[in-house]
Amino acid sequence: MGESGPSTQQCSRAGCTAPAQWNVNWRNPRIHGLDRVKVWLACTDHVDYLSEYLTTRNFPVVVSDLTEAVSVVPDGSGA
């Protein structure tokens, strides 16, 4: 079976088609435990925007390199 979709990972910012270079790891602490990690992909131009968007909503955020997996996003995390 063939794969569909882009061959490179793309930034999650609306309208951006740049290749992703960062993981913006986050969770909603009101409904998810420490081990539930959601990931948005970000290019260098949008990593701060996406991280700040989540932080202003009181979601814990950990920014990591695209190749680095994060298994826990603790409360009080910052970019």
PDB file of N, CA and C in Angstrom:
ATOM      1  N   MET A   1       0.834  -1.182   0.000  1.00  0.00           N
ATOM      2  CA  MET A   1       0.000   0.000   0.000  1.00  0.00           C
ATOM      3  C   MET A   1       0.874   1.238   0.000  1.00  0.00           C
ATOM      4  N   GLY A   2       0.511   2.216  -0.792  1.00  0.00           N
ATOM      5  CA  GLY A   2       1.252   3.463  -0.854  1.00  0.00           C
ATOM      6  C   GLY A   2       0.806   4.437   0.214  1.00  0.00           C
ATOM      7  N   GLU A   3       1.690   5.348   0.531  1.00  0.00           N
ATOM      8  CA  GLU A   3       1.359   6.395   1.499  1.00  0.00           C
ATOM      9  C   GLU A   3       0.798   7.596   0.759  1.00  0.00           C
ATOM     10  N   SER A   4      -0.090   8.317   1.431  1.00  0.00           N
ATOM     11  CA  SER A   4      -0.596   9.544   0.844  1.00  0.00           C
ATOM     12  C   SER A   4      -0.163  10.702   1.716  1.00  0.00           C
ATOM     13  N   GLY A   5      -0.162  11.902   1.174  1.00  0.00           N
ATOM     14  CA  GLY A   5       0.239  13.087   1.936  1.00  0.00           C
ATOM     15  C   GLY A   5       1.629  13.526   1.548  1.00  0.00           C
ATOM     16  N   PRO A   6       2.059  14.631   2.162  1.00  0.00           N
ATOM     17  CA  PRO A   6       3.361  15.179   1.813  1.00  0.00           C
ATOM     18  C   PRO A   6       4.498  14.265   2.277  1.00  0.00           C
ATOM     19  N   SER A   7       5.621  14.295   1.551  1.00  0.00           N
ATOM     20  CA  SER A   7       6.760  13.446   1.904  1.00  0.00           C
ATOM     21  C   SER A   7       7.579  14.060   3.035  1.00  0.00           C
ATOM     22  N   THR A   8       7.464  15.365   3.263  1.00  0.00           N
ATOM     23  CA  THR A   8       8.131  16.007   4.391  1.00  0.00           C
ATOM     24  C   THR A   8       7.071  16.503   5.360  1.00  0.00           C
ATOM     25  N   GLN A   9       7.439  16.597   6.619  1.00  0.00           N
ATOM     26  CA  GLN A   9       6.502  17.085   7.614  1.00  0.00           C
ATOM     27  C   GLN A   9       6.401  18.594   7.502  1.00  0.00           C
ATOM     28  N   GLN A  10       5.184  19.088   7.564  1.00  0.00           N
ATOM     29  CA  GLN A  10       4.885  20.486   7.287  1.00  0.00           C
ATOM     30  C   GLN A  10       4.426  21.203   8.552  1.00  0.00           C
ATOM     31  N   CYS A  11       4.737  22.474   8.650  1.00  0.00           N
ATOM     32  CA  CYS A  11       4.335  23.317   9.771  1.00  0.00           C
ATOM     33  C   CYS A  11       2.814  23.272   9.965  1.00  0.00           C
ATOM     34  N   SER A  12       2.377  23.267  11.238  1.00  0.00           N
ATOM     35  CA  SER A  12       0.952  23.203  11.571  1.00  0.00           C
ATOM     36  C   SER A  12       0.254  24.561  11.535  1.00  0.00           C
ATOM     37  N   ARG A  13       0.995  25.653  11.404  1.00  0.00           N
ATOM     38  CA  ARG A  13       0.397  26.984  11.357  1.00  0.00           C
ATOM     39  C   ARG A  13      -0.470  27.087  10.107  1.00  0.00           C
ATOM     40  N   ALA A  14      -1.682  27.579  10.267  1.00  0.00           N
ATOM     41  CA  ALA A  14      -2.621  27.701   9.151  1.00  0.00           C
ATOM     42  C   ALA A  14      -1.983  28.464   7.990  1.00  0.00           C
ATOM     43  N   GLY A  15      -2.049  27.883   6.827  1.00  0.00           N
ATOM     44  CA  GLY A  15      -1.549  28.523   5.620  1.00  0.00           C
ATOM     45  C   GLY A  15      -0.063  28.376   5.377  1.00  0.00           C
ATOM     46  N   CYS A  16       0.677  27.831   6.323  1.00  0.00           N
ATOM     47  CA  CYS A  16       2.129  27.685   6.156  1.00  0.00           C
ATOM     48  C   CYS A  16       2.428  26.352   5.481  1.00  0.00           C
ATOM     49  N   THR A  17       3.299  26.392   4.498  1.00  0.00           N
ATOM     50  CA  THR A  17       3.696  25.172   3.801  1.00  0.00           C
ATOM     51  C   THR A  17       5.171  24.856   4.001  1.00  0.00           C
ATOM     52  N   ALA A  18       5.818  25.569   4.927  1.00  0.00           N
ATOM     53  CA  ALA A  18       7.246  25.361   5.188  1.00  0.00           C
ATOM     54  C   ALA A  18       7.484  24.025   5.882  1.00  0.00           C
ATOM     55  N   PRO A  19       8.653  23.449   5.675  1.00  0.00           N
ATOM     56  CA  PRO A  19       8.977  22.196   6.371  1.00  0.00           C
ATOM     57  C   PRO A  19       9.083  22.434   7.880  1.00  0.00           C
ATOM     58  N   ALA A  20       8.594  21.477   8.645  1.00  0.00           N
ATOM     59  CA  ALA A  20       8.671  21.570  10.104  1.00  0.00           C
ATOM     60  C   ALA A  20      10.091  21.268  10.576  1.00  0.00           C
ATOM     61  N   GLN A  21      10.502  21.972  11.626  1.00  0.00           N
ATOM     62  CA  GLN A  21      11.808  21.740  12.245  1.00  0.00           C
ATOM     63  C   GLN A  21      11.680  21.526  13.751  1.00  0.00           C
ATOM     64  N   TRP A  22      10.492  21.749  14.289  1.00  0.00           N
ATOM     65  CA  TRP A  22      10.258  21.680  15.731  1.00  0.00           C
ATOM     66  C   TRP A  22       8.968  20.926  16.043  1.00  0.00           C
ATOM     67  N   ASN A  23       8.939  20.295  17.207  1.00  0.00           N
ATOM     68  CA  ASN A  23       7.719  19.743  17.787  1.00  0.00           C
ATOM     69  C   ASN A  23       7.269  20.700  18.879  1.00  0.00           C
ATOM     70  N   VAL A  24       6.024  21.099  18.841  1.00  0.00           N
ATOM     71  CA  VAL A  24       5.427  21.857  19.936  1.00  0.00           C
ATOM     72  C   VAL A  24       4.536  20.853  20.670  1.00  0.00           C
ATOM     73  N   ASN A  25       5.061  20.303  21.759  1.00  0.00           N
ATOM     74  CA  ASN A  25       4.399  19.262  22.537  1.00  0.00           C
ATOM     75  C   ASN A  25       3.551  19.932  23.604  1.00  0.00           C
ATOM     76  N   TRP A  26       2.291  19.527  23.713  1.00  0.00           N
ATOM     77  CA  TRP A  26       1.394  20.189  24.657  1.00  0.00           C
ATOM     78  C   TRP A  26       0.296  19.243  25.101  1.00  0.00           C
ATOM     79  N   ARG A  27      -0.458  19.692  26.121  1.00  0.00           N
ATOM     80  CA  ARG A  27      -1.621  18.944  26.568  1.00  0.00           C
ATOM     81  C   ARG A  27      -2.579  19.893  27.262  1.00  0.00           C
ATOM     82  N   ASN A  28      -3.824  19.471  27.337  1.00  0.00           N
ATOM     83  CA  ASN A  28      -4.841  20.221  28.066  1.00  0.00           C
ATOM     84  C   ASN A  28      -4.949  19.581  29.445  1.00  0.00           C
ATOM     85  N   PRO A  29      -4.423  20.225  30.500  1.00  0.00           N
ATOM     86  CA  PRO A  29      -4.389  19.594  31.821  1.00  0.00           C
ATOM     87  C   PRO A  29      -5.767  19.397  32.445  1.00  0.00           C
ATOM     88  N   ARG A  30      -6.773  20.077  31.935  1.00  0.00           N
ATOM     89  CA  ARG A  30      -8.131  19.898  32.470  1.00  0.00           C
ATOM     90  C   ARG A  30      -8.731  18.553  32.072  1.00  0.00           C
ATOM     91  N   ILE A  31      -8.246  17.978  30.979  1.00  0.00           N
ATOM     92  CA  ILE A  31      -8.835  16.719  30.520  1.00  0.00           C
ATOM     93  C   ILE A  31      -7.827  15.598  30.268  1.00  0.00           C
ATOM     94  N   HIS A  32      -6.514  15.908  30.292  1.00  0.00           N
ATOM     95  CA  HIS A  32      -5.506  14.890  30.000  1.00  0.00           C
ATOM     96  C   HIS A  32      -4.479  14.793  31.121  1.00  0.00           C
ATOM     97  N   GLY A  33      -4.008  13.580  31.386  1.00  0.00           N
ATOM     98  CA  GLY A  33      -2.940  13.339  32.344  1.00  0.00           C
ATOM     99  C   GLY A  33      -1.588  13.722  31.770  1.00  0.00           C
ATOM    100  N   LEU A  34      -0.555  13.604  32.608  1.00  0.00           N
ATOM    101  CA  LEU A  34       0.800  13.997  32.210  1.00  0.00           C
ATOM    102  C   LEU A  34       1.316  13.263  30.978  1.00  0.00           C
ATOM    103  N   ASP A  35       0.876  12.033  30.786  1.00  0.00           N
ATOM    104  CA  ASP A  35       1.404  11.227  29.689  1.00  0.00           C
ATOM    105  C   ASP A  35       0.655  11.397  28.368  1.00  0.00           C
ATOM    106  N   ARG A  36      -0.363  12.240  28.321  1.00  0.00           N
ATOM    107  CA  ARG A  36      -1.095  12.495  27.063  1.00  0.00           C
ATOM    108  C   ARG A  36      -0.459  13.702  26.398  1.00  0.00           C
ATOM    109  N   VAL A  37       0.300  13.466  25.354  1.00  0.00           N
ATOM    110  CA  VAL A  37       1.027  14.531  24.671  1.00  0.00           C
ATOM    111  C   VAL A  37       0.462  14.714  23.276  1.00  0.00           C
ATOM    112  N   LYS A  38       0.073  15.935  22.971  1.00  0.00           N
ATOM    113  CA  LYS A  38      -0.341  16.287  21.612  1.00  0.00           C
ATOM    114  C   LYS A  38       0.834  17.020  20.976  1.00  0.00           C
ATOM    115  N   VAL A  39       0.963  16.934  19.664  1.00  0.00           N
ATOM    116  CA  VAL A  39       2.109  17.535  18.987  1.00  0.00           C
ATOM    117  C   VAL A  39       1.649  18.347  17.794  1.00  0.00           C
ATOM    118  N   TRP A  40       2.081  19.603  17.772  1.00  0.00           N
ATOM    119  CA  TRP A  40       1.967  20.425  16.578  1.00  0.00           C
ATOM    120  C   TRP A  40       3.364  20.549  16.005  1.00  0.00           C
ATOM    121  N   LEU A  41       3.481  20.528  14.709  1.00  0.00           N
ATOM    122  CA  LEU A  41       4.763  20.707  14.047  1.00  0.00           C
ATOM    123  C   LEU A  41       4.937  22.182  13.703  1.00  0.00           C
ATOM    124  N   ALA A  42       6.173  22.671  13.772  1.00  0.00           N
ATOM    125  CA  ALA A  42       6.409  24.094  13.523  1.00  0.00           C
ATOM    126  C   ALA A  42       7.684  24.324  12.735  1.00  0.00           C
ATOM    127  N   CYS A  43       7.631  25.299  11.850  1.00  0.00           N
ATOM    128  CA  CYS A  43       8.834  25.782  11.185  1.00  0.00           C
ATOM    129  C   CYS A  43       9.484  26.806  12.133  1.00  0.00           C
ATOM    130  N   THR A  44      10.671  27.234  11.808  1.00  0.00           N
ATOM    131  CA  THR A  44      11.375  28.195  12.651  1.00  0.00           C
ATOM    132  C   THR A  44      10.607  29.511  12.774  1.00  0.00           C
ATOM    133  N   ASP A  45       9.929  29.931  11.721  1.00  0.00           N
ATOM    134  CA  ASP A  45       9.179  31.191  11.758  1.00  0.00           C
ATOM    135  C   ASP A  45       7.959  31.135  12.665  1.00  0.00           C
ATOM    136  N   HIS A  46       7.387  29.955  12.888  1.00  0.00           N
ATOM    137  CA  HIS A  46       6.135  29.859  13.639  1.00  0.00           C
ATOM    138  C   HIS A  46       6.233  29.127  14.975  1.00  0.00           C
ATOM    139  N   VAL A  47       7.387  28.634  15.363  1.00  0.00           N
ATOM    140  CA  VAL A  47       7.506  27.894  16.616  1.00  0.00           C
ATOM    141  C   VAL A  47       7.122  28.764  17.812  1.00  0.00           C
ATOM    142  N   ASP A  48       7.549  30.006  17.844  1.00  0.00           N
ATOM    143  CA  ASP A  48       7.199  30.896  18.954  1.00  0.00           C
ATOM    144  C   ASP A  48       5.702  31.213  18.946  1.00  0.00           C
ATOM    145  N   TYR A  49       5.153  31.469  17.783  1.00  0.00           N
ATOM    146  CA  TYR A  49       3.726  31.779  17.673  1.00  0.00           C
ATOM    147  C   TYR A  49       2.871  30.638  18.221  1.00  0.00           C
ATOM    148  N   LEU A  50       3.144  29.415  17.761  1.00  0.00           N
ATOM    149  CA  LEU A  50       2.342  28.268  18.192  1.00  0.00           C
ATOM    150  C   LEU A  50       2.515  27.991  19.681  1.00  0.00           C
ATOM    151  N   SER A  51       3.729  28.093  20.179  1.00  0.00           N
ATOM    152  CA  SER A  51       3.994  27.879  21.596  1.00  0.00           C
ATOM    153  C   SER A  51       3.282  28.925  22.456  1.00  0.00           C
ATOM    154  N   GLU A  52       3.374  30.182  22.071  1.00  0.00           N
ATOM    155  CA  GLU A  52       2.718  31.255  22.823  1.00  0.00           C
ATOM    156  C   GLU A  52       1.192  31.136  22.758  1.00  0.00           C
ATOM    157  N   TYR A  53       0.666  30.709  21.634  1.00  0.00           N
ATOM    158  CA  TYR A  53      -0.779  30.503  21.488  1.00  0.00           C
ATOM    159  C   TYR A  53      -1.277  29.536  22.556  1.00  0.00           C
ATOM    160  N   LEU A  54      -0.566  28.432  22.740  1.00  0.00           N
ATOM    161  CA  LEU A  54      -0.954  27.423  23.722  1.00  0.00           C
ATOM    162  C   LEU A  54      -0.688  27.887  25.150  1.00  0.00           C
ATOM    163  N   THR A  55       0.435  28.535  25.367  1.00  0.00           N
ATOM    164  CA  THR A  55       0.801  29.004  26.706  1.00  0.00           C
ATOM    165  C   THR A  55      -0.198  30.019  27.225  1.00  0.00           C
ATOM    166  N   THR A  56      -0.684  30.917  26.379  1.00  0.00           N
ATOM    167  CA  THR A  56      -1.657  31.919  26.828  1.00  0.00           C
ATOM    168  C   THR A  56      -2.987  31.278  27.214  1.00  0.00           C
ATOM    169  N   ARG A  57      -3.216  30.051  26.791  1.00  0.00           N
ATOM    170  CA  ARG A  57      -4.427  29.319  27.170  1.00  0.00           C
ATOM    171  C   ARG A  57      -4.173  28.394  28.362  1.00  0.00           C
ATOM    172  N   ASN A  58      -3.028  28.587  29.005  1.00  0.00           N
ATOM    173  CA  ASN A  58      -2.626  27.820  30.198  1.00  0.00           C
ATOM    174  C   ASN A  58      -2.410  26.340  29.929  1.00  0.00           C
ATOM    175  N   PHE A  59      -2.017  26.005  28.698  1.00  0.00           N
ATOM    176  CA  PHE A  59      -1.657  24.635  28.384  1.00  0.00           C
ATOM    177  C   PHE A  59      -0.148  24.486  28.589  1.00  0.00           C
ATOM    178  N   PRO A  60       0.303  23.450  29.293  1.00  0.00           N
ATOM    179  CA  PRO A  60       1.740  23.215  29.405  1.00  0.00           C
ATOM    180  C   PRO A  60       2.323  22.880  28.030  1.00  0.00           C
ATOM    181  N   VAL A  61       3.508  23.426  27.760  1.00  0.00           N
ATOM    182  CA  VAL A  61       4.140  23.280  26.447  1.00  0.00           C
ATOM    183  C   VAL A  61       5.615  22.939  26.625  1.00  0.00           C
ATOM    184  N   VAL A  62       6.108  22.018  25.810  1.00  0.00           N
ATOM    185  CA  VAL A  62       7.531  21.716  25.728  1.00  0.00           C
ATOM    186  C   VAL A  62       7.882  21.709  24.241  1.00  0.00           C
ATOM    187  N   VAL A  63       8.818  22.554  23.849  1.00  0.00           N
ATOM    188  CA  VAL A  63       9.278  22.601  22.460  1.00  0.00           C
ATOM    189  C   VAL A  63      10.515  21.719  22.347  1.00  0.00           C
ATOM    190  N   SER A  64      10.522  20.872  21.331  1.00  0.00           N
ATOM    191  CA  SER A  64      11.669  19.987  21.113  1.00  0.00           C
ATOM    192  C   SER A  64      12.012  19.946  19.632  1.00  0.00           C
ATOM    193  N   ASP A  65      13.212  19.481  19.353  1.00  0.00           N
ATOM    194  CA  ASP A  65      13.644  19.268  17.981  1.00  0.00           C
ATOM    195  C   ASP A  65      12.700  18.266  17.312  1.00  0.00           C
ATOM    196  N   LEU A  66      12.526  18.391  16.033  1.00  0.00           N
ATOM    197  CA  LEU A  66      11.607  17.527  15.285  1.00  0.00           C
ATOM    198  C   LEU A  66      11.909  16.048  15.496  1.00  0.00           C
ATOM    199  N   THR A  67      13.165  15.707  15.700  1.00  0.00           N
ATOM    200  CA  THR A  67      13.557  14.303  15.852  1.00  0.00           C
ATOM    201  C   THR A  67      13.479  13.815  17.293  1.00  0.00           C
ATOM    202  N   GLU A  68      13.161  14.701  18.240  1.00  0.00           N
ATOM    203  CA  GLU A  68      13.141  14.347  19.661  1.00  0.00           C
ATOM    204  C   GLU A  68      11.710  14.117  20.143  1.00  0.00           C
ATOM    205  N   ALA A  69      11.439  12.903  20.579  1.00  0.00           N
ATOM    206  CA  ALA A  69      10.110  12.572  21.103  1.00  0.00           C
ATOM    207  C   ALA A  69      10.014  12.983  22.567  1.00  0.00           C
ATOM    208  N   VAL A  70       8.862  13.512  22.953  1.00  0.00           N
ATOM    209  CA  VAL A  70       8.583  13.886  24.340  1.00  0.00           C
ATOM    210  C   VAL A  70       7.441  13.013  24.822  1.00  0.00           C
ATOM    211  N   SER A  71       7.627  12.320  25.944  1.00  0.00           N
ATOM    212  CA  SER A  71       6.595  11.411  26.427  1.00  0.00           C
ATOM    213  C   SER A  71       5.748  11.995  27.545  1.00  0.00           C
ATOM    214  N   VAL A  72       6.209  13.093  28.167  1.00  0.00           N
ATOM    215  CA  VAL A  72       5.470  13.737  29.263  1.00  0.00           C
ATOM    216  C   VAL A  72       5.592  15.255  29.127  1.00  0.00           C
ATOM    217  N   VAL A  73       4.465  15.948  29.302  1.00  0.00           N
ATOM    218  CA  VAL A  73       4.468  17.415  29.347  1.00  0.00           C
ATOM    219  C   VAL A  73       3.960  17.798  30.731  1.00  0.00           C
ATOM    220  N   PRO A  74       4.894  18.103  31.659  1.00  0.00           N
ATOM    221  CA  PRO A  74       4.481  18.407  33.036  1.00  0.00           C
ATOM    222  C   PRO A  74       3.858  19.781  33.165  1.00  0.00           C
ATOM    223  N   ASP A  75       3.063  19.969  34.221  1.00  0.00           N
ATOM    224  CA  ASP A  75       2.516  21.285  34.527  1.00  0.00           C
ATOM    225  C   ASP A  75       3.666  22.246  34.773  1.00  0.00           C
ATOM    226  N   GLY A  76       3.453  23.506  34.433  1.00  0.00           N
ATOM    227  CA  GLY A  76       4.476  24.525  34.658  1.00  0.00           C
ATOM    228  C   GLY A  76       5.576  24.514  33.615  1.00  0.00           C
ATOM    229  N   SER A  77       5.385  23.781  32.531  1.00  0.00           N
ATOM    230  CA  SER A  77       6.391  23.752  31.469  1.00  0.00           C
ATOM    231  C   SER A  77       6.363  25.045  30.700  1.00  0.00           C
ATOM    232  N   GLY A  78       7.440  25.346  30.068  1.00  0.00           N
ATOM    233  CA  GLY A  78       7.517  26.516  29.204  1.00  0.00           C
ATOM    234  C   GLY A  78       8.309  26.188  27.976  1.00  0.00           C
ATOM    235  N   ALA A  79       8.173  27.047  26.990  1.00  0.00           N
ATOM    236  CA  ALA A  79       8.879  26.823  25.735  1.00  0.00           C
ATOM    237  C   ALA A  79      10.356  27.075  25.889  1.00  0.00           C
TER     238      ALA A  79
END
